[in-house]
Amino acid sequence: MVALILIFGFLFGAILQFANLNKYNVISGLAVRKDFAVAKAIAVAIGIGAILLNFEIAFGLASYHVKPFIFGGIILGGLIFGAGMAILGYCPGTLAISLGEGSLDALIGILGGLAGGIVYTLLLPLIQGSLGPNFGNVSLNSIIGTNSLFYILIFILGGIFIGASFWLHKIEKGKDLKWLYSGIALALLNVIVFSSMSTNRPIGASTAFPYLADLVTGLTNNDYFTKIQKPGNWEIIFLFGAFIAGLIISILKKEFKLILIHDNWLYYKGKSVWKRIIWSFIGGFLLIIGARMAGGCTSGHILSGGMQLAFSSLIFALFVFIGLLFTGKIFYKEQ
């Protein structure tokens, strides 16, 4: 099973690398509304994945893994996650890939994320009551049921997401279609990972951070660590596979490079090394705090949950993009 998870992680990393979806310049480019590759790939992956996954489940080949709709956690966590994603320029999953490529700011972001994991574990007993109310594991299927109307809506909503990706592509006036191929591949990979014949769970990344941080610091004698132990272990292996992909592919392409300050950061924030280090740490910290409040991240919530048409995941995605774009507008200003 470990080898299979590593392979899935490697494929995940390779897919994102193919279209540069892991890179700081691309993700921060979305925050300033100049690069829509990430949004387009996610939209097409959700659209295609929703159709494929729900039929996979209908044939008894997979199961739903819908995250609970914890109202306060989803909204506030989404905004915080979006802010961290804008500042850092990475998601929990892309951090591992970019570290493999030599991005030192990704390493600082990981350290910030680990710190965020520890703080969240310590704060959870105090804030847990304020994250609700919990409306349960609500999805289109749980509301409508498995019937003809449900499958008609699956095709309609899937088509809307796919159409939205091409609409963004038209607005962007882009010609490169790597985002499309990566989006399709992400949908197919998720369908395989969901399968009861493989791992019977969705792709995810953010749980690895509090799991590893709590494990290293000995902060394991609590209910939260018990809850995240199994998914956290899975995601550590998965992210290691993504890291290997980043390392091997960048070396083979002769693109491996130790770098701290990327072009977008230099353009908007200047060349100060310490400024990038501090903000990378803060961004990683916010990223994981927001992810854990909401119960997932870009891959585990927006992508995997969106494919299940889970209400929690779709609303989380909305507030992530609000936080991302709002923070991008404030944080990134031309010198």
C-alpha atoms as a PDB file:
ATOM      1  CA  MET A   1       0.000   0.000   0.000  1.00  0.00           C
ATOM      2  CA  VAL A   2       2.866   2.409   0.787  1.00  0.00           C
ATOM      3  CA  ALA A   3       4.286   1.908  -2.708  1.00  0.00           C
ATOM      4  CA  LEU A   4       0.862   2.597  -4.252  1.00  0.00           C
ATOM      5  CA  ILE A   5       0.434   5.827  -2.273  1.00  0.00           C
ATOM      6  CA  LEU A   6       3.925   6.920  -3.305  1.00  0.00           C
ATOM      7  CA  ILE A   7       3.024   6.300  -6.952  1.00  0.00           C
ATOM      8  CA  PHE A   8      -0.176   8.326  -6.587  1.00  0.00           C
ATOM      9  CA  GLY A   9       1.814  11.153  -4.991  1.00  0.00           C
ATOM     10  CA  PHE A  10       4.398  11.021  -7.773  1.00  0.00           C
ATOM     11  CA  LEU A  11       1.661  11.186 -10.423  1.00  0.00           C
ATOM     12  CA  PHE A  12       0.011  14.080  -8.593  1.00  0.00           C
ATOM     13  CA  GLY A  13       3.305  15.967  -8.578  1.00  0.00           C
ATOM     14  CA  ALA A  14       4.021  15.181 -12.223  1.00  0.00           C
ATOM     15  CA  ILE A  15       0.559  16.308 -13.329  1.00  0.00           C
ATOM     16  CA  LEU A  16       0.867  19.664 -11.581  1.00  0.00           C
ATOM     17  CA  GLN A  17       4.426  20.163 -12.808  1.00  0.00           C
ATOM     18  CA  PHE A  18       3.370  19.519 -16.393  1.00  0.00           C
ATOM     19  CA  ALA A  19       1.292  22.711 -16.422  1.00  0.00           C
ATOM     20  CA  ASN A  20       3.401  24.591 -13.827  1.00  0.00           C
ATOM     21  CA  LEU A  21       0.408  24.604 -11.471  1.00  0.00           C
ATOM     22  CA  ASN A  22       2.682  24.165  -8.455  1.00  0.00           C
ATOM     23  CA  LYS A  23       4.813  27.225  -9.067  1.00  0.00           C
ATOM     24  CA  TYR A  24       4.814  30.421  -7.022  1.00  0.00           C
ATOM     25  CA  ASN A  25       4.558  32.669 -10.085  1.00  0.00           C
ATOM     26  CA  VAL A  26       1.447  30.858 -11.308  1.00  0.00           C
ATOM     27  CA  ILE A  27      -0.432  30.739  -7.991  1.00  0.00           C
ATOM     28  CA  SER A  28       0.483  34.293  -7.021  1.00  0.00           C
ATOM     29  CA  GLY A  29      -0.432  35.224 -10.592  1.00  0.00           C
ATOM     30  CA  LEU A  30      -3.971  34.049  -9.846  1.00  0.00           C
ATOM     31  CA  ALA A  31      -4.022  36.227  -6.703  1.00  0.00           C
ATOM     32  CA  VAL A  32      -3.360  39.301  -8.874  1.00  0.00           C
ATOM     33  CA  ARG A  33      -5.751  38.094 -11.602  1.00  0.00           C
ATOM     34  CA  LYS A  34      -3.047  37.718 -14.253  1.00  0.00           C
ATOM     35  CA  ASP A  35      -2.830  33.917 -14.503  1.00  0.00           C
ATOM     36  CA  PHE A  36      -5.945  31.723 -14.390  1.00  0.00           C
ATOM     37  CA  ALA A  37      -4.242  28.375 -15.052  1.00  0.00           C
ATOM     38  CA  VAL A  38      -4.916  27.022 -11.535  1.00  0.00           C
ATOM     39  CA  ALA A  39      -8.573  28.096 -11.538  1.00  0.00           C
ATOM     40  CA  LYS A  40      -9.101  26.647 -15.031  1.00  0.00           C
ATOM     41  CA  ALA A  41      -7.504  23.313 -14.150  1.00  0.00           C
ATOM     42  CA  ILE A  42      -9.536  23.009 -10.933  1.00  0.00           C
ATOM     43  CA  ALA A  43     -12.786  23.881 -12.703  1.00  0.00           C
ATOM     44  CA  VAL A  44     -12.305  21.349 -15.504  1.00  0.00           C
ATOM     45  CA  ALA A  45     -11.144  18.692 -13.016  1.00  0.00           C
ATOM     46  CA  ILE A  46     -14.271  19.204 -10.899  1.00  0.00           C
ATOM     47  CA  GLY A  47     -16.518  19.143 -13.961  1.00  0.00           C
ATOM     48  CA  ILE A  48     -15.102  15.957 -15.473  1.00  0.00           C
ATOM     49  CA  GLY A  49     -14.443  14.382 -12.081  1.00  0.00           C
ATOM     50  CA  ALA A  50     -18.003  14.966 -10.860  1.00  0.00           C
ATOM     51  CA  ILE A  51     -19.394  12.980 -13.784  1.00  0.00           C
ATOM     52  CA  LEU A  52     -16.860  10.155 -13.623  1.00  0.00           C
ATOM     53  CA  LEU A  53     -16.750   9.827  -9.827  1.00  0.00           C
ATOM     54  CA  ASN A  54     -20.501   9.785  -9.289  1.00  0.00           C
ATOM     55  CA  PHE A  55     -20.930   7.069 -11.888  1.00  0.00           C
ATOM     56  CA  GLU A  56     -18.040   5.149 -10.317  1.00  0.00           C
ATOM     57  CA  ILE A  57     -19.897   5.314  -7.005  1.00  0.00           C
ATOM     58  CA  ALA A  58     -23.172   4.349  -8.692  1.00  0.00           C
ATOM     59  CA  PHE A  59     -21.550   1.132  -9.937  1.00  0.00           C
ATOM     60  CA  GLY A  60     -20.344   0.342  -6.419  1.00  0.00           C
ATOM     61  CA  LEU A  61     -16.682   0.882  -7.267  1.00  0.00           C
ATOM     62  CA  ALA A  62     -16.117   3.748  -4.799  1.00  0.00           C
ATOM     63  CA  SER A  63     -17.739   5.537  -1.870  1.00  0.00           C
ATOM     64  CA  TYR A  64     -18.527   9.111  -0.916  1.00  0.00           C
ATOM     65  CA  HIS A  65     -16.115  10.838   1.468  1.00  0.00           C
ATOM     66  CA  VAL A  66     -17.945  14.127   1.952  1.00  0.00           C
ATOM     67  CA  LYS A  67     -16.496  16.546   4.494  1.00  0.00           C
ATOM     68  CA  PRO A  68     -18.916  17.974   7.075  1.00  0.00           C
ATOM     69  CA  PHE A  69     -20.356  21.424   6.494  1.00  0.00           C
ATOM     70  CA  ILE A  70     -19.103  23.146   9.647  1.00  0.00           C
ATOM     71  CA  PHE A  71     -20.374  26.627   8.831  1.00  0.00           C
ATOM     72  CA  GLY A  72     -17.965  28.865  10.755  1.00  0.00           C
ATOM     73  CA  GLY A  73     -14.933  26.716  10.003  1.00  0.00           C
ATOM     74  CA  ILE A  74     -15.695  26.564   6.290  1.00  0.00           C
ATOM     75  CA  ILE A  75     -16.188  30.303   5.859  1.00  0.00           C
ATOM     76  CA  LEU A  76     -13.500  31.671   8.184  1.00  0.00           C
ATOM     77  CA  GLY A  77     -11.107  28.858   7.317  1.00  0.00           C
ATOM     78  CA  GLY A  78     -11.651  29.504   3.612  1.00  0.00           C
ATOM     79  CA  LEU A  79     -10.839  33.196   3.955  1.00  0.00           C
ATOM     80  CA  ILE A  80      -7.715  32.505   6.042  1.00  0.00           C
ATOM     81  CA  PHE A  81      -6.586  29.745   3.679  1.00  0.00           C
ATOM     82  CA  GLY A  82      -7.059  32.041   0.676  1.00  0.00           C
ATOM     83  CA  ALA A  83      -5.034  34.776   2.359  1.00  0.00           C
ATOM     84  CA  GLY A  84      -2.220  32.351   3.160  1.00  0.00           C
ATOM     85  CA  MET A  85      -2.284  30.951  -0.366  1.00  0.00           C
ATOM     86  CA  ALA A  86      -1.970  34.459  -1.855  1.00  0.00           C
ATOM     87  CA  ILE A  87       0.925  35.472   0.420  1.00  0.00           C
ATOM     88  CA  LEU A  88       2.800  32.185   0.205  1.00  0.00           C
ATOM     89  CA  GLY A  89       2.061  31.411  -3.435  1.00  0.00           C
ATOM     90  CA  TYR A  90       1.610  27.696  -2.779  1.00  0.00           C
ATOM     91  CA  CYS A  91      -1.026  25.212  -1.596  1.00  0.00           C
ATOM     92  CA  PRO A  92      -0.227  22.420   0.908  1.00  0.00           C
ATOM     93  CA  GLY A  93       0.213  19.929  -1.932  1.00  0.00           C
ATOM     94  CA  THR A  94       2.275  22.179  -4.197  1.00  0.00           C
ATOM     95  CA  LEU A  95       4.711  23.012  -1.389  1.00  0.00           C
ATOM     96  CA  ALA A  96       6.184  19.517  -1.569  1.00  0.00           C
ATOM     97  CA  ILE A  97       6.510  19.605  -5.362  1.00  0.00           C
ATOM     98  CA  SER A  98       8.153  23.017  -5.444  1.00  0.00           C
ATOM     99  CA  LEU A  99      10.523  22.072  -2.638  1.00  0.00           C
ATOM    100  CA  GLY A 100      11.622  19.176  -4.842  1.00  0.00           C
ATOM    101  CA  GLU A 101      12.348  21.709  -7.595  1.00  0.00           C
ATOM    102  CA  GLY A 102      14.569  23.719  -5.223  1.00  0.00           C
ATOM    103  CA  SER A 103      12.218  26.492  -4.077  1.00  0.00           C
ATOM    104  CA  LEU A 104      13.508  27.552  -0.664  1.00  0.00           C
ATOM    105  CA  ASP A 105      10.432  29.692   0.029  1.00  0.00           C
ATOM    106  CA  ALA A 106       8.423  26.467  -0.161  1.00  0.00           C
ATOM    107  CA  LEU A 107      10.630  25.042   2.614  1.00  0.00           C
ATOM    108  CA  ILE A 108       9.965  28.129   4.751  1.00  0.00           C
ATOM    109  CA  GLY A 109       6.248  27.763   3.995  1.00  0.00           C
ATOM    110  CA  ILE A 110       6.364  24.144   5.149  1.00  0.00           C
ATOM    111  CA  LEU A 111       7.968  25.235   8.430  1.00  0.00           C
ATOM    112  CA  GLY A 112       5.246  27.855   8.845  1.00  0.00           C
ATOM    113  CA  GLY A 113       2.642  25.185   8.110  1.00  0.00           C
ATOM    114  CA  LEU A 114       4.108  22.864  10.734  1.00  0.00           C
ATOM    115  CA  ALA A 115       3.969  25.709  13.258  1.00  0.00           C
ATOM    116  CA  GLY A 116       0.369  26.311  12.251  1.00  0.00           C
ATOM    117  CA  GLY A 117      -0.378  22.625  12.809  1.00  0.00           C
ATOM    118  CA  ILE A 118       0.958  22.762  16.364  1.00  0.00           C
ATOM    119  CA  VAL A 119      -0.917  25.971  17.184  1.00  0.00           C
ATOM    120  CA  TYR A 120      -4.156  24.585  15.766  1.00  0.00           C
ATOM    121  CA  THR A 121      -3.848  21.392  17.840  1.00  0.00           C
ATOM    122  CA  LEU A 122      -3.371  23.486  20.981  1.00  0.00           C
ATOM    123  CA  LEU A 123      -6.152  25.972  20.174  1.00  0.00           C
ATOM    124  CA  LEU A 124      -8.775  23.510  18.938  1.00  0.00           C
ATOM    125  CA  PRO A 125     -10.283  22.722  22.381  1.00  0.00           C
ATOM    126  CA  LEU A 126     -10.780  26.478  22.899  1.00  0.00           C
ATOM    127  CA  ILE A 127     -12.220  27.377  19.482  1.00  0.00           C
ATOM    128  CA  GLN A 128     -14.056  24.196  18.516  1.00  0.00           C
ATOM    129  CA  GLY A 129     -17.409  25.469  19.739  1.00  0.00           C
ATOM    130  CA  SER A 130     -17.152  28.628  17.649  1.00  0.00           C
ATOM    131  CA  LEU A 131     -16.503  26.810  14.365  1.00  0.00           C
ATOM    132  CA  GLY A 132     -20.063  25.511  14.006  1.00  0.00           C
ATOM    133  CA  PRO A 133     -22.879  24.944  13.498  1.00  0.00           C
ATOM    134  CA  ASN A 134     -22.279  21.562  11.890  1.00  0.00           C
ATOM    135  CA  PHE A 135     -24.848  20.844   9.162  1.00  0.00           C
ATOM    136  CA  GLY A 136     -23.415  17.393   8.493  1.00  0.00           C
ATOM    137  CA  ASN A 137     -22.069  15.698   5.370  1.00  0.00           C
ATOM    138  CA  VAL A 138     -24.298  17.486   2.882  1.00  0.00           C
ATOM    139  CA  SER A 139     -23.953  16.934  -0.848  1.00  0.00           C
ATOM    140  CA  LEU A 140     -26.134  16.980  -3.947  1.00  0.00           C
ATOM    141  CA  ASN A 141     -26.594  13.225  -3.567  1.00  0.00           C
ATOM    142  CA  SER A 142     -27.648  13.432   0.091  1.00  0.00           C
ATOM    143  CA  ILE A 143     -30.252  16.085  -0.761  1.00  0.00           C
ATOM    144  CA  ILE A 144     -31.700  14.653  -3.978  1.00  0.00           C
ATOM    145  CA  GLY A 145     -30.865  10.969  -3.670  1.00  0.00           C
ATOM    146  CA  THR A 146     -29.699   8.536  -6.324  1.00  0.00           C
ATOM    147  CA  ASN A 147     -32.263   8.978  -9.080  1.00  0.00           C
ATOM    148  CA  SER A 148     -32.663  10.236 -12.646  1.00  0.00           C
ATOM    149  CA  LEU A 149     -32.789  13.902 -11.585  1.00  0.00           C
ATOM    150  CA  PHE A 150     -29.501  13.508  -9.740  1.00  0.00           C
ATOM    151  CA  TYR A 151     -27.669  12.193 -12.809  1.00  0.00           C
ATOM    152  CA  ILE A 152     -29.195  14.851 -15.040  1.00  0.00           C
ATOM    153  CA  LEU A 153     -27.936  17.510 -12.630  1.00  0.00           C
ATOM    154  CA  ILE A 154     -24.526  15.835 -12.515  1.00  0.00           C
ATOM    155  CA  PHE A 155     -24.140  16.328 -16.264  1.00  0.00           C
ATOM    156  CA  ILE A 156     -25.494  19.891 -16.117  1.00  0.00           C
ATOM    157  CA  LEU A 157     -23.258  20.976 -13.236  1.00  0.00           C
ATOM    158  CA  GLY A 158     -20.275  19.135 -14.690  1.00  0.00           C
ATOM    159  CA  GLY A 159     -20.853  20.972 -17.956  1.00  0.00           C
ATOM    160  CA  ILE A 160     -21.073  24.302 -16.131  1.00  0.00           C
ATOM    161  CA  PHE A 161     -17.703  23.760 -14.459  1.00  0.00           C
ATOM    162  CA  ILE A 162     -16.088  22.705 -17.743  1.00  0.00           C
ATOM    163  CA  GLY A 163     -17.680  25.673 -19.499  1.00  0.00           C
ATOM    164  CA  ALA A 164     -16.403  28.019 -16.783  1.00  0.00           C
ATOM    165  CA  SER A 165     -12.856  26.827 -17.372  1.00  0.00           C
ATOM    166  CA  PHE A 166     -13.059  27.667 -21.085  1.00  0.00           C
ATOM    167  CA  TRP A 167     -14.750  30.980 -20.293  1.00  0.00           C
ATOM    168  CA  LEU A 168     -11.774  31.902 -18.095  1.00  0.00           C
ATOM    169  CA  HIS A 169      -9.447  30.743 -20.869  1.00  0.00           C
ATOM    170  CA  LYS A 170     -11.219  33.050 -23.303  1.00  0.00           C
ATOM    171  CA  ILE A 171     -10.996  35.992 -20.913  1.00  0.00           C
ATOM    172  CA  GLU A 172      -7.307  35.304 -20.401  1.00  0.00           C
ATOM    173  CA  LYS A 173      -6.812  35.018 -24.174  1.00  0.00           C
ATOM    174  CA  GLY A 174      -4.558  32.060 -23.546  1.00  0.00           C
ATOM    175  CA  LYS A 175      -3.303  29.588 -26.115  1.00  0.00           C
ATOM    176  CA  ASP A 176      -1.506  27.025 -23.960  1.00  0.00           C
ATOM    177  CA  LEU A 177      -3.787  24.076 -23.116  1.00  0.00           C
ATOM    178  CA  LYS A 178      -1.547  22.354 -20.580  1.00  0.00           C
ATOM    179  CA  TRP A 179      -3.983  23.392 -17.842  1.00  0.00           C
ATOM    180  CA  LEU A 180      -6.697  21.402 -19.632  1.00  0.00           C
ATOM    181  CA  TYR A 181      -4.633  18.222 -19.863  1.00  0.00           C
ATOM    182  CA  SER A 182      -3.582  18.567 -16.224  1.00  0.00           C
ATOM    183  CA  GLY A 183      -7.174  19.147 -15.132  1.00  0.00           C
ATOM    184  CA  ILE A 184      -8.346  16.025 -16.945  1.00  0.00           C
ATOM    185  CA  ALA A 185      -5.461  14.021 -15.469  1.00  0.00           C
ATOM    186  CA  LEU A 186      -6.256  15.276 -11.940  1.00  0.00           C
ATOM    187  CA  ALA A 187      -9.856  14.152 -12.340  1.00  0.00           C
ATOM    188  CA  LEU A 188      -8.767  10.701 -13.530  1.00  0.00           C
ATOM    189  CA  LEU A 189      -6.206  10.365 -10.730  1.00  0.00           C
ATOM    190  CA  ASN A 190      -8.792  11.257  -8.109  1.00  0.00           C
ATOM    191  CA  VAL A 191     -11.229   8.730  -9.538  1.00  0.00           C
ATOM    192  CA  ILE A 192      -8.543   6.045  -9.270  1.00  0.00           C
ATOM    193  CA  VAL A 193      -7.584   7.042  -5.716  1.00  0.00           C
ATOM    194  CA  PHE A 194     -11.272   7.011  -4.684  1.00  0.00           C
ATOM    195  CA  SER A 195     -11.666   3.467  -6.016  1.00  0.00           C
ATOM    196  CA  SER A 196     -12.342   0.748  -3.455  1.00  0.00           C
ATOM    197  CA  MET A 197      -9.755  -1.323  -5.349  1.00  0.00           C
ATOM    198  CA  SER A 198      -6.985   1.181  -4.553  1.00  0.00           C
ATOM    199  CA  THR A 199      -7.095   3.422  -1.442  1.00  0.00           C
ATOM    200  CA  ASN A 200     -10.831   4.174  -1.072  1.00  0.00           C
ATOM    201  CA  ARG A 201     -10.260   7.780  -0.046  1.00  0.00           C
ATOM    202  CA  PRO A 202      -9.806  11.205  -1.636  1.00  0.00           C
ATOM    203  CA  ILE A 203      -6.549  12.964  -2.373  1.00  0.00           C
ATOM    204  CA  GLY A 204      -5.474  15.318   0.419  1.00  0.00           C
ATOM    205  CA  ALA A 205      -2.455  17.185   1.787  1.00  0.00           C
ATOM    206  CA  SER A 206      -3.091  19.561   4.698  1.00  0.00           C
ATOM    207  CA  THR A 207      -3.647  16.936   7.420  1.00  0.00           C
ATOM    208  CA  ALA A 208      -0.017  15.897   6.998  1.00  0.00           C
ATOM    209  CA  PHE A 209       1.146  19.151   8.601  1.00  0.00           C
ATOM    210  CA  PRO A 210      -0.456  18.897  12.065  1.00  0.00           C
ATOM    211  CA  TYR A 211       0.145  15.140  12.034  1.00  0.00           C
ATOM    212  CA  LEU A 212       3.886  15.472  11.433  1.00  0.00           C
ATOM    213  CA  ALA A 213       4.252  18.496  13.720  1.00  0.00           C
ATOM    214  CA  ASP A 214       2.376  16.846  16.584  1.00  0.00           C
ATOM    215  CA  LEU A 215       4.289  13.598  16.099  1.00  0.00           C
ATOM    216  CA  VAL A 216       7.687  15.323  16.198  1.00  0.00           C
ATOM    217  CA  THR A 217       6.837  17.475  19.226  1.00  0.00           C
ATOM    218  CA  GLY A 218       5.128  14.652  21.121  1.00  0.00           C
ATOM    219  CA  LEU A 219       1.789  16.440  21.076  1.00  0.00           C
ATOM    220  CA  THR A 220      -0.060  13.156  20.533  1.00  0.00           C
ATOM    221  CA  ASN A 221      -2.060  12.661  23.715  1.00  0.00           C
ATOM    222  CA  ASN A 222      -5.207  14.383  22.465  1.00  0.00           C
ATOM    223  CA  ASP A 223      -8.376  13.570  20.550  1.00  0.00           C
ATOM    224  CA  TYR A 224      -7.359  15.615  17.524  1.00  0.00           C
ATOM    225  CA  PHE A 225      -4.154  13.654  16.905  1.00  0.00           C
ATOM    226  CA  THR A 226      -6.082  10.398  17.240  1.00  0.00           C
ATOM    227  CA  LYS A 227      -8.519  11.676  14.605  1.00  0.00           C
ATOM    228  CA  ILE A 228      -5.877  12.780  12.104  1.00  0.00           C
ATOM    229  CA  GLN A 229      -3.374   9.966  12.635  1.00  0.00           C
ATOM    230  CA  LYS A 230      -4.542   7.695   9.826  1.00  0.00           C
ATOM    231  CA  PRO A 231      -5.170  10.355   7.122  1.00  0.00           C
ATOM    232  CA  GLY A 232      -2.064  12.257   8.226  1.00  0.00           C
ATOM    233  CA  ASN A 233       0.154   9.220   7.727  1.00  0.00           C
ATOM    234  CA  TRP A 234      -1.381   8.597   4.289  1.00  0.00           C
ATOM    235  CA  GLU A 235      -0.798  12.190   3.241  1.00  0.00           C
ATOM    236  CA  ILE A 236       2.823  12.239   4.432  1.00  0.00           C
ATOM    237  CA  ILE A 237       3.567   9.320   2.090  1.00  0.00           C
ATOM    238  CA  PHE A 238       1.550  10.947  -0.702  1.00  0.00           C
ATOM    239  CA  LEU A 239       3.405  14.265  -0.354  1.00  0.00           C
ATOM    240  CA  PHE A 240       6.757  12.494  -0.279  1.00  0.00           C
ATOM    241  CA  GLY A 241       5.832  10.994  -3.644  1.00  0.00           C
ATOM    242  CA  ALA A 242       4.985  14.492  -4.906  1.00  0.00           C
ATOM    243  CA  PHE A 243       8.339  15.758  -3.610  1.00  0.00           C
ATOM    244  CA  ILE A 244      10.156  12.967  -5.466  1.00  0.00           C
ATOM    245  CA  ALA A 245       8.307  13.950  -8.649  1.00  0.00           C
ATOM    246  CA  GLY A 246       9.373  17.553  -8.217  1.00  0.00           C
ATOM    247  CA  LEU A 247      12.983  16.554  -7.655  1.00  0.00           C
ATOM    248  CA  ILE A 248      13.389  13.919 -10.367  1.00  0.00           C
ATOM    249  CA  ILE A 249      11.468  15.715 -13.115  1.00  0.00           C
ATOM    250  CA  SER A 250      13.186  19.062 -12.490  1.00  0.00           C
ATOM    251  CA  ILE A 251      16.593  17.358 -12.592  1.00  0.00           C
ATOM    252  CA  LEU A 252      15.757  15.456 -15.790  1.00  0.00           C
ATOM    253  CA  LYS A 253      14.522  18.688 -17.404  1.00  0.00           C
ATOM    254  CA  LYS A 254      17.604  20.510 -16.083  1.00  0.00           C
ATOM    255  CA  GLU A 255      15.340  22.977 -14.282  1.00  0.00           C
ATOM    256  CA  PHE A 256      16.325  22.219 -10.670  1.00  0.00           C
ATOM    257  CA  LYS A 257      17.402  25.469  -9.036  1.00  0.00           C
ATOM    258  CA  LEU A 258      17.758  26.666  -5.463  1.00  0.00           C
ATOM    259  CA  ILE A 259      15.717  29.852  -5.387  1.00  0.00           C
ATOM    260  CA  LEU A 260      14.064  31.994  -2.743  1.00  0.00           C
ATOM    261  CA  ILE A 261      12.768  35.047  -4.584  1.00  0.00           C
ATOM    262  CA  HIS A 262      10.713  34.385  -7.703  1.00  0.00           C
ATOM    263  CA  ASP A 263       9.912  36.862 -10.474  1.00  0.00           C
ATOM    264  CA  ASN A 264       6.461  37.852  -9.197  1.00  0.00           C
ATOM    265  CA  TRP A 265       7.764  38.469  -5.678  1.00  0.00           C
ATOM    266  CA  LEU A 266      10.644  40.539  -7.032  1.00  0.00           C
ATOM    267  CA  TYR A 267       8.240  42.608  -9.160  1.00  0.00           C
ATOM    268  CA  TYR A 268       5.721  43.334  -6.403  1.00  0.00           C
ATOM    269  CA  LYS A 269       7.679  43.056  -3.134  1.00  0.00           C
ATOM    270  CA  GLY A 270      11.320  43.688  -3.983  1.00  0.00           C
ATOM    271  CA  LYS A 271      14.501  41.707  -3.434  1.00  0.00           C
ATOM    272  CA  SER A 272      14.688  41.627   0.370  1.00  0.00           C
ATOM    273  CA  VAL A 273      15.548  38.070   1.420  1.00  0.00           C
ATOM    274  CA  TRP A 274      14.261  38.512   4.967  1.00  0.00           C
ATOM    275  CA  LYS A 275      10.950  39.909   3.765  1.00  0.00           C
ATOM    276  CA  ARG A 276      10.365  36.810   1.651  1.00  0.00           C
ATOM    277  CA  ILE A 277      11.401  34.481   4.469  1.00  0.00           C
ATOM    278  CA  ILE A 278       9.095  36.143   7.007  1.00  0.00           C
ATOM    279  CA  TRP A 279       6.096  36.311   4.689  1.00  0.00           C
ATOM    280  CA  SER A 280       6.626  32.727   3.490  1.00  0.00           C
ATOM    281  CA  PHE A 281       6.479  31.556   7.104  1.00  0.00           C
ATOM    282  CA  ILE A 282       3.377  33.650   7.808  1.00  0.00           C
ATOM    283  CA  GLY A 283       1.723  32.451   4.606  1.00  0.00           C
ATOM    284  CA  GLY A 284       2.393  28.796   5.444  1.00  0.00           C
ATOM    285  CA  PHE A 285       1.098  29.329   8.979  1.00  0.00           C
ATOM    286  CA  LEU A 286      -2.151  30.905   7.756  1.00  0.00           C
ATOM    287  CA  LEU A 287      -2.535  28.275   5.036  1.00  0.00           C
ATOM    288  CA  ILE A 288      -2.604  25.365   7.489  1.00  0.00           C
ATOM    289  CA  ILE A 289      -4.631  27.177  10.163  1.00  0.00           C
ATOM    290  CA  GLY A 290      -7.299  27.911   7.542  1.00  0.00           C
ATOM    291  CA  ALA A 291      -7.165  24.397   6.086  1.00  0.00           C
ATOM    292  CA  ARG A 292      -7.595  22.731   9.470  1.00  0.00           C
ATOM    293  CA  MET A 293     -10.448  25.046  10.461  1.00  0.00           C
ATOM    294  CA  ALA A 294     -12.259  24.075   7.270  1.00  0.00           C
ATOM    295  CA  GLY A 295     -11.197  20.422   7.360  1.00  0.00           C
ATOM    296  CA  GLY A 296      -9.259  20.356   4.094  1.00  0.00           C
ATOM    297  CA  CYS A 297      -7.322  22.246   1.431  1.00  0.00           C
ATOM    298  CA  THR A 298      -7.201  22.767  -2.328  1.00  0.00           C
ATOM    299  CA  SER A 299      -6.741  19.089  -3.154  1.00  0.00           C
ATOM    300  CA  GLY A 300      -8.685  17.465  -0.310  1.00  0.00           C
ATOM    301  CA  HIS A 301     -11.560  19.932  -0.143  1.00  0.00           C
ATOM    302  CA  ILE A 302     -11.946  21.963  -3.336  1.00  0.00           C
ATOM    303  CA  LEU A 303     -10.905  19.274  -5.817  1.00  0.00           C
ATOM    304  CA  SER A 304     -11.945  16.025  -4.142  1.00  0.00           C
ATOM    305  CA  GLY A 305     -14.983  17.539  -2.435  1.00  0.00           C
ATOM    306  CA  GLY A 306     -15.990  19.504  -5.510  1.00  0.00           C
ATOM    307  CA  MET A 307     -16.050  16.297  -7.539  1.00  0.00           C
ATOM    308  CA  GLN A 308     -18.503  14.901  -4.976  1.00  0.00           C
ATOM    309  CA  LEU A 309     -20.528  18.136  -5.238  1.00  0.00           C
ATOM    310  CA  ALA A 310     -20.227  18.505  -1.473  1.00  0.00           C
ATOM    311  CA  PHE A 311     -21.759  21.744  -0.198  1.00  0.00           C
ATOM    312  CA  SER A 312     -18.942  22.235   2.315  1.00  0.00           C
ATOM    313  CA  SER A 313     -16.293  22.004  -0.403  1.00  0.00           C
ATOM    314  CA  LEU A 314     -18.019  24.242  -2.928  1.00  0.00           C
ATOM    315  CA  ILE A 315     -18.634  26.962  -0.339  1.00  0.00           C
ATOM    316  CA  PHE A 316     -15.083  26.573   0.953  1.00  0.00           C
ATOM    317  CA  ALA A 317     -13.826  27.078  -2.618  1.00  0.00           C
ATOM    318  CA  LEU A 318     -15.870  30.275  -2.922  1.00  0.00           C
ATOM    319  CA  PHE A 319     -14.422  31.786   0.253  1.00  0.00           C
ATOM    320  CA  VAL A 320     -10.898  30.627  -0.600  1.00  0.00           C
ATOM    321  CA  PHE A 321     -11.054  32.582  -3.838  1.00  0.00           C
ATOM    322  CA  ILE A 322     -12.535  35.592  -2.053  1.00  0.00           C
ATOM    323  CA  GLY A 323      -9.679  35.508   0.467  1.00  0.00           C
ATOM    324  CA  LEU A 324      -7.115  34.892  -2.277  1.00  0.00           C
ATOM    325  CA  LEU A 325      -8.228  37.734  -4.534  1.00  0.00           C
ATOM    326  CA  PHE A 326      -8.849  40.224  -1.713  1.00  0.00           C
ATOM    327  CA  THR A 327      -5.434  39.533  -0.179  1.00  0.00           C
ATOM    328  CA  GLY A 328      -3.792  39.632  -3.595  1.00  0.00           C
ATOM    329  CA  LYS A 329      -5.253  43.069  -4.256  1.00  0.00           C
ATOM    330  CA  ILE A 330      -3.955  44.435  -0.945  1.00  0.00           C
ATOM    331  CA  PHE A 331      -0.698  42.536  -0.577  1.00  0.00           C
ATOM    332  CA  TYR A 332       0.700  42.744  -4.111  1.00  0.00           C
ATOM    333  CA  LYS A 333       1.196  46.328  -5.219  1.00  0.00           C
ATOM    334  CA  GLU A 334       3.605  47.416  -7.905  1.00  0.00           C
ATOM    335  CA  GLN A 335       6.811  48.976  -6.630  1.00  0.00           C
END
